[in-house]
Amino acid sequence: MQLAEPRPVRHQVQRLELRVNWGAVVEDLQCSGLSLRRIGELVDVAESTLRACRYGDMGHSKGERLITLWMQHTGHEREAIPLWDGLGCEP
């Protein structure tokens, strides 16, 4: 009786989905001199939504307005937007 060759072990790589780190975006805007109230006025988002987005996600149209404001006030390109993996680690 001949033993079968062992199968190679295939490690499945789990891809992490990176998301915008809204808390860092809002913090950057505040460091640039904007109050939370003013940020909300400029992007038509309630202050409570801006506070809550630090721990979650933002709707698409609100997020796009916030990203545009962030680019204008920080001078960064869109590709430099702060990201995170949802596990508390920044890439």
N, C-alpha and C. Protein backbone atom coordinates (compact mmCIF):
# COMPACT_ATOMS: atom_id res chain seq x y z
N MET A 1 0.83 -1.17 0.00
CA MET A 1 0.00 0.00 0.00
C MET A 1 0.89 1.25 0.00
N GLN A 2 0.57 2.12 -0.90
CA GLN A 2 1.36 3.34 -1.03
C GLN A 2 0.60 4.51 -0.40
N LEU A 3 1.30 5.31 0.40
CA LEU A 3 0.68 6.45 1.05
C LEU A 3 0.52 7.60 0.06
N ALA A 4 -0.57 8.30 0.18
CA ALA A 4 -0.81 9.44 -0.70
C ALA A 4 0.11 10.59 -0.30
N GLU A 5 0.50 11.35 -1.31
CA GLU A 5 1.31 12.55 -1.05
C GLU A 5 0.48 13.54 -0.26
N PRO A 6 1.07 14.17 0.73
CA PRO A 6 0.29 15.17 1.47
C PRO A 6 -0.04 16.37 0.58
N ARG A 7 -1.23 16.87 0.76
CA ARG A 7 -1.65 18.04 -0.01
C ARG A 7 -0.96 19.28 0.54
N PRO A 8 -0.59 20.16 -0.36
CA PRO A 8 0.01 21.41 0.15
C PRO A 8 -1.04 22.21 0.91
N VAL A 9 -0.59 22.83 1.96
CA VAL A 9 -1.49 23.65 2.77
C VAL A 9 -1.66 25.00 2.09
N ARG A 10 -2.89 25.36 1.87
CA ARG A 10 -3.18 26.66 1.26
C ARG A 10 -3.74 27.57 2.34
N HIS A 11 -3.03 28.62 2.56
CA HIS A 11 -3.50 29.59 3.54
C HIS A 11 -4.39 30.59 2.83
N GLN A 12 -5.55 30.73 3.37
CA GLN A 12 -6.47 31.69 2.79
C GLN A 12 -6.17 33.06 3.37
N VAL A 13 -5.89 34.00 2.49
CA VAL A 13 -5.59 35.35 2.93
C VAL A 13 -6.89 36.13 2.99
N GLN A 14 -7.15 36.66 4.15
CA GLN A 14 -8.36 37.46 4.31
C GLN A 14 -8.01 38.90 3.98
N ARG A 15 -8.76 39.46 3.05
CA ARG A 15 -8.53 40.85 2.66
C ARG A 15 -9.26 41.77 3.62
N LEU A 16 -8.54 42.74 4.10
CA LEU A 16 -9.15 43.73 4.97
C LEU A 16 -9.70 44.85 4.11
N GLU A 17 -10.89 45.25 4.41
CA GLU A 17 -11.51 46.34 3.68
C GLU A 17 -11.18 47.63 4.41
N LEU A 18 -10.43 48.49 3.74
CA LEU A 18 -10.08 49.76 4.35
C LEU A 18 -11.21 50.75 4.14
N ARG A 19 -11.47 51.53 5.16
CA ARG A 19 -12.53 52.54 5.12
C ARG A 19 -11.95 53.88 5.53
N VAL A 20 -12.66 54.91 5.18
CA VAL A 20 -12.24 56.24 5.58
C VAL A 20 -12.33 56.34 7.10
N ASN A 21 -11.30 56.88 7.70
CA ASN A 21 -11.29 57.11 9.14
C ASN A 21 -11.91 58.49 9.37
N TRP A 22 -13.22 58.50 9.52
CA TRP A 22 -13.96 59.76 9.62
C TRP A 22 -13.54 60.56 10.85
N GLY A 23 -13.22 59.89 11.92
CA GLY A 23 -12.77 60.59 13.12
C GLY A 23 -11.51 61.39 12.85
N ALA A 24 -10.57 60.79 12.11
CA ALA A 24 -9.32 61.49 11.77
C ALA A 24 -9.59 62.64 10.80
N VAL A 25 -10.53 62.46 9.88
CA VAL A 25 -10.88 63.52 8.94
C VAL A 25 -11.43 64.72 9.70
N VAL A 26 -12.36 64.48 10.61
CA VAL A 26 -12.96 65.56 11.40
C VAL A 26 -11.89 66.21 12.27
N GLU A 27 -11.03 65.40 12.87
CA GLU A 27 -9.96 65.95 13.71
C GLU A 27 -9.01 66.83 12.90
N ASP A 28 -8.66 66.40 11.69
CA ASP A 28 -7.81 67.21 10.82
C ASP A 28 -8.47 68.56 10.53
N LEU A 29 -9.76 68.53 10.27
CA LEU A 29 -10.48 69.77 9.98
C LEU A 29 -10.50 70.68 11.20
N GLN A 30 -10.68 70.11 12.37
CA GLN A 30 -10.66 70.92 13.59
C GLN A 30 -9.26 71.50 13.84
N CYS A 31 -8.23 70.73 13.54
CA CYS A 31 -6.86 71.22 13.69
C CYS A 31 -6.56 72.35 12.70
N SER A 32 -7.30 72.36 11.59
CA SER A 32 -7.10 73.42 10.60
C SER A 32 -7.85 74.69 10.99
N GLY A 33 -8.54 74.66 12.15
CA GLY A 33 -9.19 75.85 12.67
C GLY A 33 -10.70 75.88 12.57
N LEU A 34 -11.31 74.82 12.07
CA LEU A 34 -12.77 74.79 11.95
C LEU A 34 -13.38 74.16 13.19
N SER A 35 -14.44 74.76 13.68
CA SER A 35 -15.17 74.16 14.79
C SER A 35 -16.07 73.05 14.24
N LEU A 36 -16.51 72.18 15.12
CA LEU A 36 -17.42 71.11 14.70
C LEU A 36 -18.70 71.71 14.12
N ARG A 37 -19.17 72.78 14.72
CA ARG A 37 -20.37 73.45 14.22
C ARG A 37 -20.15 73.97 12.79
N ARG A 38 -18.99 74.59 12.56
CA ARG A 38 -18.71 75.15 11.22
C ARG A 38 -18.55 74.04 10.18
N ILE A 39 -17.90 72.96 10.56
CA ILE A 39 -17.77 71.83 9.63
C ILE A 39 -19.16 71.35 9.23
N GLY A 40 -20.03 71.19 10.22
CA GLY A 40 -21.41 70.76 9.96
C GLY A 40 -22.14 71.71 9.03
N GLU A 41 -21.95 73.01 9.24
CA GLU A 41 -22.61 74.00 8.37
C GLU A 41 -22.09 73.90 6.93
N LEU A 42 -20.79 73.74 6.79
CA LEU A 42 -20.19 73.73 5.45
C LEU A 42 -20.55 72.50 4.64
N VAL A 43 -20.77 71.37 5.30
CA VAL A 43 -21.09 70.14 4.56
C VAL A 43 -22.54 69.71 4.74
N ASP A 44 -23.33 70.56 5.43
CA ASP A 44 -24.75 70.29 5.65
C ASP A 44 -24.97 68.95 6.37
N VAL A 45 -24.26 68.81 7.50
CA VAL A 45 -24.35 67.61 8.32
C VAL A 45 -24.50 68.06 9.77
N ALA A 46 -25.38 67.42 10.51
CA ALA A 46 -25.59 67.76 11.91
C ALA A 46 -24.33 67.47 12.72
N GLU A 47 -24.09 68.29 13.74
CA GLU A 47 -22.93 68.08 14.62
C GLU A 47 -22.98 66.69 15.25
N SER A 48 -24.16 66.25 15.61
CA SER A 48 -24.29 64.93 16.23
C SER A 48 -23.85 63.83 15.26
N THR A 49 -24.10 64.01 13.97
CA THR A 49 -23.66 63.04 12.97
C THR A 49 -22.14 63.03 12.89
N LEU A 50 -21.52 64.22 12.95
CA LEU A 50 -20.06 64.30 12.92
C LEU A 50 -19.44 63.65 14.15
N ARG A 51 -20.08 63.82 15.30
CA ARG A 51 -19.58 63.16 16.52
C ARG A 51 -19.71 61.65 16.40
N ALA A 52 -20.84 61.20 15.90
CA ALA A 52 -21.11 59.76 15.80
C ALA A 52 -20.26 59.08 14.73
N CYS A 53 -19.88 59.81 13.69
CA CYS A 53 -19.13 59.18 12.59
C CYS A 53 -17.73 58.76 13.04
N ARG A 54 -17.28 59.26 14.17
CA ARG A 54 -15.98 58.85 14.70
C ARG A 54 -15.99 57.36 15.04
N TYR A 55 -17.17 56.82 15.27
CA TYR A 55 -17.28 55.42 15.68
C TYR A 55 -18.01 54.57 14.65
N GLY A 56 -18.25 55.12 13.48
CA GLY A 56 -18.98 54.36 12.47
C GLY A 56 -18.69 54.84 11.08
N ASP A 57 -19.71 54.84 10.28
CA ASP A 57 -19.56 55.19 8.88
C ASP A 57 -20.37 56.43 8.57
N MET A 58 -20.21 56.92 7.37
CA MET A 58 -20.89 58.13 6.92
C MET A 58 -21.57 57.80 5.60
N GLY A 59 -22.74 58.35 5.38
CA GLY A 59 -23.42 58.15 4.10
C GLY A 59 -22.57 58.70 2.95
N HIS A 60 -22.78 58.19 1.77
CA HIS A 60 -21.94 58.53 0.62
C HIS A 60 -21.90 60.02 0.32
N SER A 61 -23.05 60.65 0.14
CA SER A 61 -23.05 62.06 -0.27
C SER A 61 -22.47 62.95 0.84
N LYS A 62 -22.78 62.65 2.09
CA LYS A 62 -22.21 63.42 3.20
C LYS A 62 -20.71 63.21 3.27
N GLY A 63 -20.30 61.97 3.09
CA GLY A 63 -18.87 61.65 3.11
C GLY A 63 -18.11 62.35 2.00
N GLU A 64 -18.68 62.39 0.82
CA GLU A 64 -18.02 63.08 -0.30
C GLU A 64 -17.85 64.57 -0.01
N ARG A 65 -18.87 65.18 0.58
CA ARG A 65 -18.76 66.61 0.93
C ARG A 65 -17.70 66.82 1.99
N LEU A 66 -17.63 65.91 2.94
CA LEU A 66 -16.63 66.02 4.00
C LEU A 66 -15.21 65.82 3.44
N ILE A 67 -15.05 64.89 2.53
CA ILE A 67 -13.74 64.67 1.89
C ILE A 67 -13.32 65.90 1.10
N THR A 68 -14.25 66.50 0.36
CA THR A 68 -13.94 67.70 -0.41
C THR A 68 -13.48 68.83 0.52
N LEU A 69 -14.20 69.02 1.62
CA LEU A 69 -13.83 70.05 2.59
C LEU A 69 -12.45 69.74 3.18
N TRP A 70 -12.20 68.49 3.50
CA TRP A 70 -10.91 68.06 4.05
C TRP A 70 -9.78 68.38 3.08
N MET A 71 -9.98 68.09 1.79
CA MET A 71 -8.95 68.38 0.79
C MET A 71 -8.70 69.88 0.69
N GLN A 72 -9.76 70.67 0.72
CA GLN A 72 -9.63 72.13 0.61
C GLN A 72 -8.87 72.72 1.80
N HIS A 73 -9.14 72.22 2.98
CA HIS A 73 -8.56 72.82 4.19
C HIS A 73 -7.21 72.24 4.58
N THR A 74 -6.89 71.04 4.12
CA THR A 74 -5.59 70.46 4.47
C THR A 74 -4.59 70.58 3.34
N GLY A 75 -5.08 70.78 2.11
CA GLY A 75 -4.18 70.83 0.96
C GLY A 75 -3.74 69.46 0.48
N HIS A 76 -4.30 68.41 1.07
CA HIS A 76 -3.94 67.04 0.67
C HIS A 76 -4.78 66.58 -0.51
N GLU A 77 -4.24 65.64 -1.26
CA GLU A 77 -4.98 64.99 -2.34
C GLU A 77 -5.88 63.91 -1.75
N ARG A 78 -6.88 63.52 -2.52
CA ARG A 78 -7.84 62.51 -2.07
C ARG A 78 -7.15 61.21 -1.63
N GLU A 79 -6.09 60.85 -2.31
CA GLU A 79 -5.39 59.60 -2.01
C GLU A 79 -4.77 59.59 -0.61
N ALA A 80 -4.64 60.76 0.01
CA ALA A 80 -4.03 60.86 1.34
C ALA A 80 -5.06 60.79 2.46
N ILE A 81 -6.32 60.55 2.12
CA ILE A 81 -7.37 60.52 3.13
C ILE A 81 -7.03 59.46 4.19
N PRO A 82 -7.21 59.76 5.47
CA PRO A 82 -6.90 58.76 6.50
C PRO A 82 -7.82 57.54 6.37
N LEU A 83 -7.23 56.36 6.44
CA LEU A 83 -7.97 55.10 6.32
C LEU A 83 -7.75 54.28 7.57
N TRP A 84 -8.64 53.33 7.78
CA TRP A 84 -8.47 52.35 8.84
C TRP A 84 -9.11 51.05 8.43
N ASP A 85 -8.77 49.97 9.14
CA ASP A 85 -9.24 48.64 8.74
C ASP A 85 -10.47 48.17 9.52
N GLY A 86 -11.03 49.02 10.35
CA GLY A 86 -12.20 48.64 11.14
C GLY A 86 -11.86 47.89 12.40
N LEU A 87 -10.59 47.58 12.58
CA LEU A 87 -10.15 46.86 13.76
C LEU A 87 -9.35 47.76 14.71
N GLY A 88 -9.31 49.03 14.38
CA GLY A 88 -8.59 49.97 15.21
C GLY A 88 -7.15 50.18 14.79
N CYS A 89 -6.78 49.62 13.64
CA CYS A 89 -5.41 49.78 13.14
C CYS A 89 -5.41 50.60 11.87
N GLU A 90 -4.51 51.55 11.81
CA GLU A 90 -4.38 52.34 10.58
C GLU A 90 -3.35 51.66 9.69
N PRO A 91 -3.55 51.72 8.36
CA PRO A 91 -2.58 51.04 7.48
C PRO A 91 -1.25 51.75 7.43
